[in-house]
Amino acid sequence: MQKEQLFEKIKDVLIREFDLDEAVITPEANIATDLDLDSIDAVELIVKMKPYLTAKIEPAAFKSTKTLADVVRILEPISL
């Protein structure tokens, strides 16, 4: 899956599952400060993304994620 497609999937999940406003969901959006998601929300986001992935996600890979672009960068190699 290309970066743009993956970002759109993440965006769809954030709108549907977390009731976030589409306007705040940008690649540069900070997960904690801009989207107001805590670590439990971040885990739930990854769980919701599992149908679009081809491999297991290593939790340690997400320790340094700050933005949605970081999430896309990590998930892109294992996305459908």
PDB file of N, CA and C in Angstrom:
ATOM      1  N   MET A   1       0.846  -1.172   0.000  1.00  0.00           N
ATOM      2  CA  MET A   1       0.000   0.000   0.000  1.00  0.00           C
ATOM      3  C   MET A   1       0.895   1.241   0.000  1.00  0.00           C
ATOM      4  N   GLN A   2       0.548   2.220  -0.793  1.00  0.00           N
ATOM      5  CA  GLN A   2       1.325   3.447  -0.843  1.00  0.00           C
ATOM      6  C   GLN A   2       1.065   4.306   0.391  1.00  0.00           C
ATOM      7  N   LYS A   3       1.988   5.203   0.658  1.00  0.00           N
ATOM      8  CA  LYS A   3       1.879   6.071   1.835  1.00  0.00           C
ATOM      9  C   LYS A   3       0.551   6.815   1.885  1.00  0.00           C
ATOM     10  N   GLU A   4       0.138   7.351   0.756  1.00  0.00           N
ATOM     11  CA  GLU A   4      -1.102   8.126   0.715  1.00  0.00           C
ATOM     12  C   GLU A   4      -2.310   7.265   1.052  1.00  0.00           C
ATOM     13  N   GLN A   5      -2.332   6.051   0.508  1.00  0.00           N
ATOM     14  CA  GLN A   5      -3.432   5.131   0.789  1.00  0.00           C
ATOM     15  C   GLN A   5      -3.440   4.726   2.255  1.00  0.00           C
ATOM     16  N   LEU A   6      -2.276   4.443   2.794  1.00  0.00           N
ATOM     17  CA  LEU A   6      -2.167   4.052   4.188  1.00  0.00           C
ATOM     18  C   LEU A   6      -2.611   5.193   5.095  1.00  0.00           C
ATOM     19  N   PHE A   7      -2.180   6.399   4.778  1.00  0.00           N
ATOM     20  CA  PHE A   7      -2.602   7.547   5.568  1.00  0.00           C
ATOM     21  C   PHE A   7      -4.122   7.682   5.545  1.00  0.00           C
ATOM     22  N   GLU A   8      -4.740   7.483   4.389  1.00  0.00           N
ATOM     23  CA  GLU A   8      -6.203   7.586   4.287  1.00  0.00           C
ATOM     24  C   GLU A   8      -6.895   6.527   5.149  1.00  0.00           C
ATOM     25  N   LYS A   9      -6.333   5.320   5.195  1.00  0.00           N
ATOM     26  CA  LYS A   9      -6.897   4.268   6.066  1.00  0.00           C
ATOM     27  C   LYS A   9      -6.805   4.685   7.532  1.00  0.00           C
ATOM     28  N   ILE A  10      -5.645   5.207   7.925  1.00  0.00           N
ATOM     29  CA  ILE A  10      -5.465   5.673   9.301  1.00  0.00           C
ATOM     30  C   ILE A  10      -6.451   6.796   9.595  1.00  0.00           C
ATOM     31  N   LYS A  11      -6.580   7.708   8.670  1.00  0.00           N
ATOM     32  CA  LYS A  11      -7.500   8.837   8.825  1.00  0.00           C
ATOM     33  C   LYS A  11      -8.932   8.339   9.012  1.00  0.00           C
ATOM     34  N   ASP A  12      -9.349   7.372   8.190  1.00  0.00           N
ATOM     35  CA  ASP A  12     -10.693   6.800   8.304  1.00  0.00           C
ATOM     36  C   ASP A  12     -10.924   6.197   9.688  1.00  0.00           C
ATOM     37  N   VAL A  13      -9.931   5.459  10.184  1.00  0.00           N
ATOM     38  CA  VAL A  13     -10.049   4.851  11.519  1.00  0.00           C
ATOM     39  C   VAL A  13     -10.146   5.936  12.587  1.00  0.00           C
ATOM     40  N   LEU A  14      -9.343   6.959  12.481  1.00  0.00           N
ATOM     41  CA  LEU A  14      -9.372   8.041  13.484  1.00  0.00           C
ATOM     42  C   LEU A  14     -10.714   8.767  13.487  1.00  0.00           C
ATOM     43  N   ILE A  15     -11.284   8.972  12.331  1.00  0.00           N
ATOM     44  CA  ILE A  15     -12.590   9.638  12.258  1.00  0.00           C
ATOM     45  C   ILE A  15     -13.684   8.733  12.809  1.00  0.00           C
ATOM     46  N   ARG A  16     -13.690   7.492  12.360  1.00  0.00           N
ATOM     47  CA  ARG A  16     -14.749   6.551  12.738  1.00  0.00           C
ATOM     48  C   ARG A  16     -14.658   6.099  14.187  1.00  0.00           C
ATOM     49  N   GLU A  17     -13.472   5.707  14.626  1.00  0.00           N
ATOM     50  CA  GLU A  17     -13.316   5.098  15.952  1.00  0.00           C
ATOM     51  C   GLU A  17     -13.033   6.107  17.078  1.00  0.00           C
ATOM     52  N   PHE A  18     -12.412   7.218  16.729  1.00  0.00           N
ATOM     53  CA  PHE A  18     -12.026   8.179  17.764  1.00  0.00           C
ATOM     54  C   PHE A  18     -12.790   9.497  17.653  1.00  0.00           C
ATOM     55  N   ASP A  19     -13.702   9.564  16.674  1.00  0.00           N
ATOM     56  CA  ASP A  19     -14.559  10.730  16.483  1.00  0.00           C
ATOM     57  C   ASP A  19     -13.754  12.026  16.357  1.00  0.00           C
ATOM     58  N   LEU A  20     -12.650  11.943  15.620  1.00  0.00           N
ATOM     59  CA  LEU A  20     -11.812  13.116  15.416  1.00  0.00           C
ATOM     60  C   LEU A  20     -12.282  13.894  14.187  1.00  0.00           C
ATOM     61  N   ASP A  21     -12.072  15.195  14.238  1.00  0.00           N
ATOM     62  CA  ASP A  21     -12.400  16.070  13.122  1.00  0.00           C
ATOM     63  C   ASP A  21     -11.385  15.855  12.005  1.00  0.00           C
ATOM     64  N   GLU A  22     -11.873  15.661  10.806  1.00  0.00           N
ATOM     65  CA  GLU A  22     -11.004  15.408   9.659  1.00  0.00           C
ATOM     66  C   GLU A  22      -9.966  16.513   9.469  1.00  0.00           C
ATOM     67  N   ALA A  23     -10.310  17.736   9.801  1.00  0.00           N
ATOM     68  CA  ALA A  23      -9.417  18.878   9.589  1.00  0.00           C
ATOM     69  C   ALA A  23      -8.129  18.790  10.405  1.00  0.00           C
ATOM     70  N   VAL A  24      -8.159  18.110  11.552  1.00  0.00           N
ATOM     71  CA  VAL A  24      -6.959  18.026  12.396  1.00  0.00           C
ATOM     72  C   VAL A  24      -6.069  16.842  12.036  1.00  0.00           C
ATOM     73  N   ILE A  25      -6.562  15.966  11.176  1.00  0.00           N
ATOM     74  CA  ILE A  25      -5.822  14.756  10.831  1.00  0.00           C
ATOM     75  C   ILE A  25      -4.948  15.023   9.607  1.00  0.00           C
ATOM     76  N   THR A  26      -3.705  15.353   9.860  1.00  0.00           N
ATOM     77  CA  THR A  26      -2.729  15.602   8.812  1.00  0.00           C
ATOM     78  C   THR A  26      -1.503  14.746   9.097  1.00  0.00           C
ATOM     79  N   PRO A  27      -0.651  14.521   8.113  1.00  0.00           N
ATOM     80  CA  PRO A  27       0.558  13.740   8.384  1.00  0.00           C
ATOM     81  C   PRO A  27       1.426  14.353   9.482  1.00  0.00           C
ATOM     82  N   GLU A  28       1.413  15.671   9.593  1.00  0.00           N
ATOM     83  CA  GLU A  28       2.240  16.353  10.582  1.00  0.00           C
ATOM     84  C   GLU A  28       1.604  16.407  11.968  1.00  0.00           C
ATOM     85  N   ALA A  29       0.359  15.960  12.088  1.00  0.00           N
ATOM     86  CA  ALA A  29      -0.350  16.035  13.366  1.00  0.00           C
ATOM     87  C   ALA A  29       0.369  15.218  14.427  1.00  0.00           C
ATOM     88  N   ASN A  30       0.611  15.862  15.571  1.00  0.00           N
ATOM     89  CA  ASN A  30       1.211  15.180  16.709  1.00  0.00           C
ATOM     90  C   ASN A  30       0.133  14.333  17.365  1.00  0.00           C
ATOM     91  N   ILE A  31       0.446  13.075  17.592  1.00  0.00           N
ATOM     92  CA  ILE A  31      -0.537  12.127  18.122  1.00  0.00           C
ATOM     93  C   ILE A  31      -1.061  12.571  19.483  1.00  0.00           C
ATOM     94  N   ALA A  32      -0.185  13.025  20.344  1.00  0.00           N
ATOM     95  CA  ALA A  32      -0.590  13.401  21.702  1.00  0.00           C
ATOM     96  C   ALA A  32      -1.191  14.801  21.765  1.00  0.00           C
ATOM     97  N   THR A  33      -0.487  15.778  21.220  1.00  0.00           N
ATOM     98  CA  THR A  33      -0.926  17.163  21.415  1.00  0.00           C
ATOM     99  C   THR A  33      -1.999  17.611  20.424  1.00  0.00           C
ATOM    100  N   ASP A  34      -1.870  17.239  19.151  1.00  0.00           N
ATOM    101  CA  ASP A  34      -2.848  17.680  18.157  1.00  0.00           C
ATOM    102  C   ASP A  34      -4.096  16.808  18.133  1.00  0.00           C
ATOM    103  N   LEU A  35      -3.912  15.508  18.325  1.00  0.00           N
ATOM    104  CA  LEU A  35      -5.044  14.577  18.244  1.00  0.00           C
ATOM    105  C   LEU A  35      -5.570  14.171  19.616  1.00  0.00           C
ATOM    106  N   ASP A  36      -4.836  14.518  20.652  1.00  0.00           N
ATOM    107  CA  ASP A  36      -5.230  14.221  22.033  1.00  0.00           C
ATOM    108  C   ASP A  36      -5.432  12.723  22.266  1.00  0.00           C
ATOM    109  N   LEU A  37      -4.533  11.912  21.694  1.00  0.00           N
ATOM    110  CA  LEU A  37      -4.577  10.466  21.890  1.00  0.00           C
ATOM    111  C   LEU A  37      -3.502  10.071  22.893  1.00  0.00           C
ATOM    112  N   ASP A  38      -3.868   9.237  23.846  1.00  0.00           N
ATOM    113  CA  ASP A  38      -2.879   8.743  24.799  1.00  0.00           C
ATOM    114  C   ASP A  38      -2.335   7.402  24.313  1.00  0.00           C
ATOM    115  N   SER A  39      -1.485   6.793  25.104  1.00  0.00           N
ATOM    116  CA  SER A  39      -0.841   5.543  24.679  1.00  0.00           C
ATOM    117  C   SER A  39      -1.854   4.414  24.482  1.00  0.00           C
ATOM    118  N   ILE A  40      -2.899   4.379  25.263  1.00  0.00           N
ATOM    119  CA  ILE A  40      -3.927   3.350  25.101  1.00  0.00           C
ATOM    120  C   ILE A  40      -4.666   3.564  23.777  1.00  0.00           C
ATOM    121  N   ASP A  41      -4.966   4.822  23.448  1.00  0.00           N
ATOM    122  CA  ASP A  41      -5.596   5.130  22.169  1.00  0.00           C
ATOM    123  C   ASP A  41      -4.695   4.729  20.999  1.00  0.00           C
ATOM    124  N   ALA A  42      -3.410   4.976  21.146  1.00  0.00           N
ATOM    125  CA  ALA A  42      -2.455   4.626  20.084  1.00  0.00           C
ATOM    126  C   ALA A  42      -2.442   3.118  19.852  1.00  0.00           C
ATOM    127  N   VAL A  43      -2.486   2.348  20.926  1.00  0.00           N
ATOM    128  CA  VAL A  43      -2.541   0.886  20.805  1.00  0.00           C
ATOM    129  C   VAL A  43      -3.832   0.479  20.107  1.00  0.00           C
ATOM    130  N   GLU A  44      -4.934   1.107  20.474  1.00  0.00           N
ATOM    131  CA  GLU A  44      -6.211   0.787  19.846  1.00  0.00           C
ATOM    132  C   GLU A  44      -6.186   1.121  18.352  1.00  0.00           C
ATOM    133  N   LEU A  45      -5.538   2.223  17.996  1.00  0.00           N
ATOM    134  CA  LEU A  45      -5.396   2.577  16.586  1.00  0.00           C
ATOM    135  C   LEU A  45      -4.670   1.469  15.826  1.00  0.00           C
ATOM    136  N   ILE A  46      -3.591   0.984  16.399  1.00  0.00           N
ATOM    137  CA  ILE A  46      -2.813  -0.068  15.746  1.00  0.00           C
ATOM    138  C   ILE A  46      -3.642  -1.348  15.626  1.00  0.00           C
ATOM    139  N   VAL A  47      -4.401  -1.679  16.651  1.00  0.00           N
ATOM    140  CA  VAL A  47      -5.272  -2.861  16.598  1.00  0.00           C
ATOM    141  C   VAL A  47      -6.282  -2.710  15.456  1.00  0.00           C
ATOM    142  N   LYS A  48      -6.843  -1.522  15.305  1.00  0.00           N
ATOM    143  CA  LYS A  48      -7.819  -1.278  14.238  1.00  0.00           C
ATOM    144  C   LYS A  48      -7.177  -1.330  12.856  1.00  0.00           C
ATOM    145  N   MET A  49      -5.873  -1.120  12.774  1.00  0.00           N
ATOM    146  CA  MET A  49      -5.166  -1.154  11.497  1.00  0.00           C
ATOM    147  C   MET A  49      -4.744  -2.564  11.087  1.00  0.00           C
ATOM    148  N   LYS A  50      -4.823  -3.533  11.987  1.00  0.00           N
ATOM    149  CA  LYS A  50      -4.363  -4.897  11.703  1.00  0.00           C
ATOM    150  C   LYS A  50      -4.930  -5.509  10.424  1.00  0.00           C
ATOM    151  N   PRO A  51      -6.207  -5.265  10.070  1.00  0.00           N
ATOM    152  CA  PRO A  51      -6.716  -5.853   8.821  1.00  0.00           C
ATOM    153  C   PRO A  51      -5.992  -5.370   7.565  1.00  0.00           C
ATOM    154  N   TYR A  52      -5.289  -4.270   7.669  1.00  0.00           N
ATOM    155  CA  TYR A  52      -4.598  -3.697   6.514  1.00  0.00           C
ATOM    156  C   TYR A  52      -3.109  -4.034   6.503  1.00  0.00           C
ATOM    157  N   LEU A  53      -2.681  -4.895   7.418  1.00  0.00           N
ATOM    158  CA  LEU A  53      -1.259  -5.199   7.559  1.00  0.00           C
ATOM    159  C   LEU A  53      -0.971  -6.661   7.258  1.00  0.00           C
ATOM    160  N   THR A  54       0.259  -6.934   6.834  1.00  0.00           N
ATOM    161  CA  THR A  54       0.637  -8.295   6.458  1.00  0.00           C
ATOM    162  C   THR A  54       1.505  -8.992   7.494  1.00  0.00           C
ATOM    163  N   ALA A  55       1.917  -8.284   8.524  1.00  0.00           N
ATOM    164  CA  ALA A  55       2.804  -8.866   9.531  1.00  0.00           C
ATOM    165  C   ALA A  55       2.464  -8.303  10.903  1.00  0.00           C
ATOM    166  N   LYS A  56       2.992  -8.963  11.902  1.00  0.00           N
ATOM    167  CA  LYS A  56       2.806  -8.518  13.278  1.00  0.00           C
ATOM    168  C   LYS A  56       3.585  -7.222  13.514  1.00  0.00           C
ATOM    169  N   ILE A  57       3.020  -6.369  14.304  1.00  0.00           N
ATOM    170  CA  ILE A  57       3.650  -5.090  14.619  1.00  0.00           C
ATOM    171  C   ILE A  57       4.448  -5.232  15.907  1.00  0.00           C
ATOM    172  N   GLU A  58       5.670  -4.780  15.866  1.00  0.00           N
ATOM    173  CA  GLU A  58       6.505  -4.782  17.065  1.00  0.00           C
ATOM    174  C   GLU A  58       6.231  -3.509  17.866  1.00  0.00           C
ATOM    175  N   PRO A  59       5.722  -3.634  19.084  1.00  0.00           N
ATOM    176  CA  PRO A  59       5.402  -2.457  19.892  1.00  0.00           C
ATOM    177  C   PRO A  59       6.582  -1.504  20.081  1.00  0.00           C
ATOM    178  N   ALA A  60       7.779  -2.030  20.154  1.00  0.00           N
ATOM    179  CA  ALA A  60       8.956  -1.185  20.347  1.00  0.00           C
ATOM    180  C   ALA A  60       9.146  -0.206  19.193  1.00  0.00           C
ATOM    181  N   ALA A  61       8.644  -0.538  18.028  1.00  0.00           N
ATOM    182  CA  ALA A  61       8.784   0.340  16.864  1.00  0.00           C
ATOM    183  C   ALA A  61       8.051   1.661  17.058  1.00  0.00           C
ATOM    184  N   PHE A  62       7.085   1.670  17.953  1.00  0.00           N
ATOM    185  CA  PHE A  62       6.266   2.861  18.142  1.00  0.00           C
ATOM    186  C   PHE A  62       6.733   3.766  19.279  1.00  0.00           C
ATOM    187  N   LYS A  63       7.794   3.394  19.945  1.00  0.00           N
ATOM    188  CA  LYS A  63       8.266   4.204  21.071  1.00  0.00           C
ATOM    189  C   LYS A  63       8.654   5.617  20.665  1.00  0.00           C
ATOM    190  N   SER A  64       9.157   5.781  19.448  1.00  0.00           N
ATOM    191  CA  SER A  64       9.622   7.098  19.022  1.00  0.00           C
ATOM    192  C   SER A  64       8.617   7.825  18.122  1.00  0.00           C
ATOM    193  N   THR A  65       7.435   7.273  17.935  1.00  0.00           N
ATOM    194  CA  THR A  65       6.463   7.932  17.065  1.00  0.00           C
ATOM    195  C   THR A  65       5.870   9.154  17.741  1.00  0.00           C
ATOM    196  N   LYS A  66       5.815  10.202  16.978  1.00  0.00           N
ATOM    197  CA  LYS A  66       5.227  11.450  17.478  1.00  0.00           C
ATOM    198  C   LYS A  66       4.097  11.940  16.566  1.00  0.00           C
ATOM    199  N   THR A  67       4.248  11.706  15.262  1.00  0.00           N
ATOM    200  CA  THR A  67       3.269  12.206  14.299  1.00  0.00           C
ATOM    201  C   THR A  67       2.634  11.059  13.520  1.00  0.00           C
ATOM    202  N   LEU A  68       1.584  11.391  12.793  1.00  0.00           N
ATOM    203  CA  LEU A  68       0.964  10.375  11.945  1.00  0.00           C
ATOM    204  C   LEU A  68       1.896   9.959  10.815  1.00  0.00           C
ATOM    205  N   ALA A  69       2.745  10.855  10.365  1.00  0.00           N
ATOM    206  CA  ALA A  69       3.733  10.492   9.350  1.00  0.00           C
ATOM    207  C   ALA A  69       4.676   9.416   9.883  1.00  0.00           C
ATOM    208  N   ASP A  70       5.009   9.476  11.166  1.00  0.00           N
ATOM    209  CA  ASP A  70       5.841   8.441  11.788  1.00  0.00           C
ATOM    210  C   ASP A  70       5.112   7.094  11.760  1.00  0.00           C
ATOM    211  N   VAL A  71       3.830   7.115  12.049  1.00  0.00           N
ATOM    212  CA  VAL A  71       3.033   5.876  12.042  1.00  0.00           C
ATOM    213  C   VAL A  71       3.006   5.291  10.633  1.00  0.00           C
ATOM    214  N   VAL A  72       2.787   6.128   9.639  1.00  0.00           N
ATOM    215  CA  VAL A  72       2.775   5.663   8.248  1.00  0.00           C
ATOM    216  C   VAL A  72       4.126   5.057   7.883  1.00  0.00           C
ATOM    217  N   ARG A  73       5.201   5.719   8.266  1.00  0.00           N
ATOM    218  CA  ARG A  73       6.555   5.229   7.951  1.00  0.00           C
ATOM    219  C   ARG A  73       6.784   3.833   8.529  1.00  0.00           C
ATOM    220  N   ILE A  74       6.282   3.583   9.717  1.00  0.00           N
ATOM    221  CA  ILE A  74       6.469   2.289  10.372  1.00  0.00           C
ATOM    222  C   ILE A  74       5.569   1.217   9.761  1.00  0.00           C
ATOM    223  N   LEU A  75       4.333   1.590   9.440  1.00  0.00           N
ATOM    224  CA  LEU A  75       3.381   0.608   8.931  1.00  0.00           C
ATOM    225  C   LEU A  75       3.517   0.323   7.431  1.00  0.00           C
ATOM    226  N   GLU A  76       4.061   1.237   6.681  1.00  0.00           N
ATOM    227  CA  GLU A  76       4.130   1.077   5.223  1.00  0.00           C
ATOM    228  C   GLU A  76       4.801  -0.229   4.781  1.00  0.00           C
ATOM    229  N   PRO A  77       5.928  -0.634   5.357  1.00  0.00           N
ATOM    230  CA  PRO A  77       6.560  -1.882   4.898  1.00  0.00           C
ATOM    231  C   PRO A  77       5.728  -3.137   5.144  1.00  0.00           C
ATOM    232  N   ILE A  78       4.771  -3.073   6.065  1.00  0.00           N
ATOM    233  CA  ILE A  78       3.973  -4.266   6.368  1.00  0.00           C
ATOM    234  C   ILE A  78       2.500  -4.082   5.998  1.00  0.00           C
ATOM    235  N   SER A  79       2.206  -3.077   5.186  1.00  0.00           N
ATOM    236  CA  SER A  79       0.815  -2.854   4.795  1.00  0.00           C
ATOM    237  C   SER A  79       0.498  -3.622   3.518  1.00  0.00           C
ATOM    238  N   LEU A  80      -0.788  -3.887   3.335  1.00  0.00           N
ATOM    239  CA  LEU A  80      -1.263  -4.633   2.155  1.00  0.00           C
ATOM    240  C   LEU A  80      -1.081  -3.826   0.898  1.00  0.00           C
TER     241      LEU A  80
END
